[in-house]
Protein backbone atom coordinates (compact mmCIF):
# COMPACT_ATOMS: atom_id res chain seq x y z
CA MET A 1 0.00 0.00 0.00
CA PRO A 2 1.74 3.26 -1.11
CA SER A 3 2.10 6.00 1.43
CA THR A 4 0.03 9.12 0.96
CA PRO A 5 1.98 11.58 -1.22
CA HIS A 6 2.68 15.13 -0.11
CA PHE A 7 0.21 17.32 -1.98
CA ILE A 8 -1.64 20.62 -1.88
CA VAL A 9 -5.31 21.00 -2.75
CA ALA A 10 -6.24 24.22 -4.51
CA ILE A 11 -9.93 24.97 -5.05
CA PRO A 12 -10.96 27.52 -7.69
CA ALA A 13 -14.14 29.24 -6.52
CA ARG A 14 -15.62 31.90 -8.79
CA TYR A 15 -18.68 33.69 -7.41
CA GLY A 16 -20.28 34.35 -10.78
CA SER A 17 -22.20 31.44 -12.32
CA THR A 18 -24.85 31.74 -14.99
CA ARG A 19 -26.69 28.55 -14.06
CA LEU A 20 -26.37 28.86 -10.28
CA PRO A 21 -25.60 32.43 -9.15
CA GLY A 22 -23.37 32.66 -6.09
CA LYS A 23 -22.73 28.91 -6.32
CA PRO A 24 -19.79 28.62 -3.87
CA LEU A 25 -21.85 30.16 -1.08
CA ARG A 26 -25.08 28.29 -1.68
CA PRO A 27 -25.82 26.31 1.51
CA ILE A 28 -26.18 22.54 1.66
CA ALA A 29 -27.86 21.66 4.96
CA GLY A 30 -26.78 25.06 6.27
CA VAL A 31 -23.11 24.79 5.25
CA PRO A 32 -21.81 26.84 2.28
CA MET A 33 -20.82 24.59 -0.61
CA VAL A 34 -17.22 25.86 -0.72
CA VAL A 35 -16.80 25.06 2.99
CA ARG A 36 -17.92 21.48 2.34
CA VAL A 37 -15.37 21.19 -0.47
CA THR A 38 -12.55 22.36 1.81
CA GLN A 39 -13.64 19.78 4.40
CA ARG A 40 -13.21 17.02 1.79
CA ALA A 41 -9.72 18.31 0.96
CA LEU A 42 -8.67 18.35 4.60
CA LEU A 43 -10.07 14.85 5.09
CA ALA A 44 -7.90 13.63 2.18
CA GLY A 45 -4.75 14.66 4.05
CA ALA A 46 -3.63 17.64 2.00
CA SER A 47 -0.65 19.46 3.50
CA GLN A 48 -2.22 22.79 2.53
CA VAL A 49 -5.71 23.69 1.32
CA VAL A 50 -6.10 26.92 -0.63
CA VAL A 51 -9.25 28.45 -2.09
CA ALA A 52 -8.51 30.65 -5.09
CA THR A 53 -11.30 33.18 -5.49
CA ASP A 54 -12.13 36.61 -6.85
CA ASP A 55 -14.80 37.60 -4.33
CA GLN A 56 -14.55 38.93 -0.78
CA ARG A 57 -17.80 37.20 0.21
CA ILE A 58 -16.11 33.83 -0.32
CA VAL A 59 -13.11 34.99 1.71
CA ASP A 60 -15.44 35.93 4.57
CA ALA A 61 -17.30 32.59 4.45
CA LEU A 62 -14.01 30.70 4.88
CA SER A 63 -12.85 32.62 7.95
CA GLY A 64 -11.91 30.20 10.73
CA GLN A 65 -12.10 27.09 8.53
CA GLY A 66 -8.38 26.28 8.76
CA VAL A 67 -7.67 26.87 5.07
CA ASP A 68 -5.85 29.58 3.12
CA VAL A 69 -7.58 31.93 0.70
CA CYS A 70 -5.85 33.49 -2.30
CA MET A 71 -7.50 36.48 -3.98
CA THR A 72 -7.07 36.18 -7.74
CA ARG A 73 -8.02 38.15 -10.83
CA SER A 74 -11.61 37.91 -12.06
CA ASP A 75 -10.75 37.50 -15.76
CA HIS A 76 -9.28 33.98 -15.79
CA ALA A 77 -10.54 31.74 -18.62
CA SER A 78 -10.45 28.56 -16.53
CA GLY A 79 -9.91 27.21 -13.05
CA SER A 80 -6.44 26.02 -14.04
CA ASP A 81 -5.48 29.56 -15.06
CA ARG A 82 -6.71 30.79 -11.69
CA LEU A 83 -4.59 28.20 -9.89
CA ALA A 84 -1.50 29.23 -11.88
CA GLU A 85 -1.82 32.69 -10.33
CA CYS A 86 -2.26 31.02 -6.94
CA ALA A 87 0.90 28.91 -7.41
CA ALA A 88 2.92 32.00 -8.32
CA HIS A 89 1.57 33.83 -5.27
CA TYR A 90 2.68 31.10 -2.85
CA GLY A 91 5.92 30.32 -4.67
CA TRP A 92 5.34 26.55 -4.65
CA SER A 93 8.38 24.62 -5.90
CA ALA A 94 8.18 23.29 -9.47
CA ASP A 95 7.75 19.66 -8.37
CA THR A 96 5.01 20.34 -5.79
CA ILE A 97 1.87 18.30 -6.53
CA VAL A 98 -1.20 20.51 -6.68
CA VAL A 99 -4.66 18.93 -6.85
CA ASN A 100 -7.33 21.05 -8.52
CA LEU A 101 -10.55 20.15 -6.69
CA GLN A 102 -13.53 21.88 -8.26
CA GLY A 103 -15.49 24.22 -6.01
CA ASP A 104 -18.75 22.44 -6.86
CA GLU A 105 -17.65 18.98 -5.64
CA PRO A 106 -18.85 18.98 -2.00
CA PHE A 107 -18.91 15.17 -1.78
CA ALA A 108 -15.62 14.31 -3.50
CA PRO A 109 -14.25 11.12 -1.88
CA ALA A 110 -10.98 11.54 0.00
CA ALA A 111 -9.60 8.39 -1.65
CA GLY A 112 -10.13 9.90 -5.09
CA ILE A 113 -8.32 13.11 -4.12
CA ARG A 114 -5.36 11.06 -2.90
CA GLU A 115 -5.41 8.83 -6.00
CA VAL A 116 -5.03 11.69 -8.48
CA ALA A 117 -2.06 12.98 -6.47
CA GLN A 118 -0.56 9.48 -6.34
CA ALA A 119 -0.79 9.28 -10.14
CA LEU A 120 1.90 11.95 -10.43
CA VAL A 121 4.12 10.08 -7.99
CA GLU A 122 3.96 7.01 -10.24
CA ASP A 123 4.11 8.79 -13.62
CA ASP A 124 6.40 11.57 -14.85
CA ALA A 125 3.55 13.28 -16.74
CA PRO A 126 3.04 16.91 -15.68
CA MET A 127 -0.70 16.43 -15.14
CA ALA A 128 -3.11 13.70 -14.02
CA THR A 129 -6.84 13.10 -13.81
CA LEU A 130 -9.39 10.37 -12.98
CA ALA A 131 -12.01 8.33 -14.79
CA THR A 132 -14.67 5.75 -14.01
CA PRO A 133 -16.34 3.06 -16.14
CA ILE A 134 -19.46 4.11 -18.04
CA ALA A 135 -22.49 2.14 -16.92
CA ASP A 136 -24.88 2.30 -19.88
CA ALA A 137 -25.37 3.45 -23.46
CA HIS A 138 -27.41 6.51 -22.47
CA GLU A 139 -24.43 7.81 -20.50
CA LEU A 140 -22.06 7.16 -23.42
CA PHE A 141 -24.23 9.10 -25.88
CA ASP A 142 -24.88 12.04 -23.51
CA PRO A 143 -22.77 15.05 -24.67
CA ASN A 144 -22.76 16.39 -21.09
CA VAL A 145 -20.76 13.30 -20.07
CA VAL A 146 -17.10 13.71 -21.03
CA LYS A 147 -15.55 10.51 -22.34
CA LEU A 148 -11.90 9.53 -21.97
CA VAL A 149 -9.84 7.11 -24.06
CA ARG A 150 -6.61 5.79 -22.51
CA ALA A 151 -3.47 4.21 -23.89
CA SER A 152 -2.13 0.93 -22.50
CA ASN A 153 0.34 2.92 -20.35
CA GLY A 154 -2.53 4.64 -18.53
CA ARG A 155 -2.15 8.01 -20.25
CA ALA A 156 -5.01 9.88 -21.89
CA LEU A 157 -5.29 9.66 -25.67
CA TYR A 158 -8.30 11.97 -26.01
CA PHE A 159 -11.25 13.51 -24.19
CA SER A 160 -14.55 14.16 -25.97
CA ARG A 161 -18.23 14.85 -25.52
CA ALA A 162 -18.83 12.42 -28.39
CA PRO A 163 -19.29 8.68 -27.72
CA LEU A 164 -15.78 7.22 -27.67
CA PRO A 165 -14.48 4.72 -28.53
CA TRP A 166 -16.88 4.13 -31.44
CA ALA A 167 -17.72 0.44 -31.66
CA ARG A 168 -18.42 0.43 -35.40
CA ASP A 169 -19.98 -2.99 -35.89
CA ALA A 170 -21.75 -3.18 -32.54
CA PHE A 171 -23.33 0.27 -32.84
CA ALA A 172 -24.35 -0.37 -36.45
CA ALA A 173 -26.52 -3.16 -35.09
CA ASN A 174 -27.63 -1.72 -31.73
CA ARG A 175 -26.97 1.50 -29.82
CA ASP A 176 -29.04 0.60 -26.75
CA THR A 177 -26.40 -1.57 -25.07
CA LEU A 178 -22.64 -1.36 -24.72
CA PRO A 179 -20.35 -4.06 -26.10
CA LYS A 180 -18.57 -5.86 -23.28
CA ASP A 181 -15.06 -5.87 -24.72
CA LEU A 182 -14.36 -2.12 -24.80
CA PRO A 183 -13.27 0.15 -21.90
CA PHE A 184 -15.82 2.97 -21.98
CA LEU A 185 -14.75 5.62 -19.47
CA ARG A 186 -16.33 8.79 -18.06
CA HIS A 187 -13.91 11.56 -17.20
CA ILE A 188 -14.02 12.91 -13.65
CA GLY A 189 -13.10 16.58 -13.54
CA ILE A 190 -10.41 16.51 -10.87
CA TYR A 191 -6.80 17.25 -11.84
CA ALA A 192 -3.35 17.12 -10.33
CA TYR A 193 -0.43 19.13 -11.69
CA ARG A 194 3.16 19.73 -10.87
CA ALA A 195 3.25 23.37 -9.82
CA GLY A 196 5.88 24.18 -12.45
CA PHE A 197 3.57 22.94 -15.18
CA LEU A 198 0.76 25.16 -13.92
CA GLN A 199 2.90 28.15 -14.88
CA GLN A 200 3.51 26.64 -18.34
CA TYR A 201 -0.17 25.86 -18.76
CA ALA A 202 -1.16 29.46 -18.16
CA LYS A 203 1.08 30.50 -21.07
CA LEU A 204 -0.29 27.95 -23.55
CA THR A 205 -2.51 29.40 -26.26
CA ARG A 206 -6.06 28.10 -26.40
CA THR A 207 -6.48 25.49 -29.10
CA PRO A 208 -9.06 24.56 -31.77
CA LEU A 209 -10.03 21.29 -30.08
CA GLU A 210 -10.39 23.03 -26.71
CA HIS A 211 -12.74 25.57 -28.32
CA ALA A 212 -14.71 22.96 -30.27
CA GLU A 213 -15.33 20.59 -27.35
CA SER A 214 -15.22 23.25 -24.60
CA LEU A 215 -12.77 21.07 -22.64
CA GLU A 216 -9.71 22.83 -21.20
CA GLN A 217 -7.71 19.60 -20.80
CA LEU A 218 -7.53 19.31 -24.59
CA ARG A 219 -5.26 22.35 -24.60
CA VAL A 220 -2.68 20.22 -22.77
CA LEU A 221 -2.89 17.30 -25.19
CA GLU A 222 -2.98 19.51 -28.26
CA HIS A 223 0.25 21.19 -27.18
CA GLY A 224 1.86 17.75 -26.83
CA TYR A 225 1.93 17.24 -23.05
CA PRO A 226 0.88 13.87 -21.57
CA ILE A 227 -1.89 13.44 -18.99
CA ALA A 228 -1.87 10.43 -16.66
CA ALA A 229 -5.36 8.98 -16.20
CA ARG A 230 -6.26 6.64 -13.34
CA LEU A 231 -9.49 4.93 -12.34
CA THR A 232 -11.09 6.39 -9.25
CA PRO A 233 -11.05 4.00 -6.25
CA GLU A 234 -14.44 5.31 -5.08
CA PRO A 235 -17.40 6.79 -6.96
CA PHE A 236 -17.57 10.58 -7.32
CA PRO A 237 -21.10 11.85 -6.74
CA PRO A 238 -22.21 14.38 -9.37
CA GLY A 239 -21.09 17.98 -8.90
CA ILE A 240 -23.52 20.82 -8.27
CA ASP A 241 -24.43 22.82 -11.39
CA THR A 242 -28.13 23.63 -11.13
CA GLU A 243 -30.89 24.33 -8.61
CA ALA A 244 -32.10 20.75 -9.08
CA ASP A 245 -28.61 19.43 -8.23
CA LEU A 246 -28.61 21.58 -5.11
CA GLN A 247 -31.98 20.25 -4.02
CA ARG A 248 -30.83 16.65 -4.52
CA ALA A 249 -27.68 17.34 -2.50
CA GLU A 250 -29.76 18.89 0.30
CA ALA A 251 -32.02 15.86 0.38
CA TRP A 252 -29.08 13.45 0.39
CA VAL A 253 -27.33 15.20 3.31
CA SER A 254 -30.60 15.28 5.27
CA SER A 255 -31.10 11.54 4.69
CA GLN A 256 -27.63 10.83 6.16
CA SER A 257 -28.26 12.65 9.44
């Protein structure tokens, strides 16, 4: 059993959200969402937990929670860009492992947070992420579900909203069930980076595939950098994007108490 790697968790938390205004501060059973995310990071054993935000209201909500808060610019194109500013602010060494835990993942399993960090210990790629097997054909054909194809060495070949891999003969006959002999994977939006690569990432130009699929990780692949991809050891509950998601989360927390 490998020992837990030394890692930092950085949580991008932007106040503005078109689908769920003020999302980081929306309460789940009375606790702001961003506070719940920091609790998951601390539970995973991170040596430092930092919330990178652009809003003083988020800073105030995190007072006394035992985490650091880094005020960042409001014009970042992605969470990764925001964390690059955070890494520069703290002066993390180039080989420091930084886990990007999304600010709308209040139920992220601690084991999954540790696993994405461990991936960079075992692979010399500058970036890592997680995936989980796809359960049914509806999930595969849903463009809101990001698919991941891996090489035999465990590195990502491509990410897409399209159904990948395309089982030509099987899907020509039937698209209601998945063939058993192919590894269909759903991408889980948690990342780990070496801090030095975060600075490089922020300087990379946005790419055609990134624009077309609206997936920031494609910028990394399109510029020729590898991404290690591991299977999550525990399921990741869905993140919170809408009012309906928030209501489901509220009901789930209430059912556990």
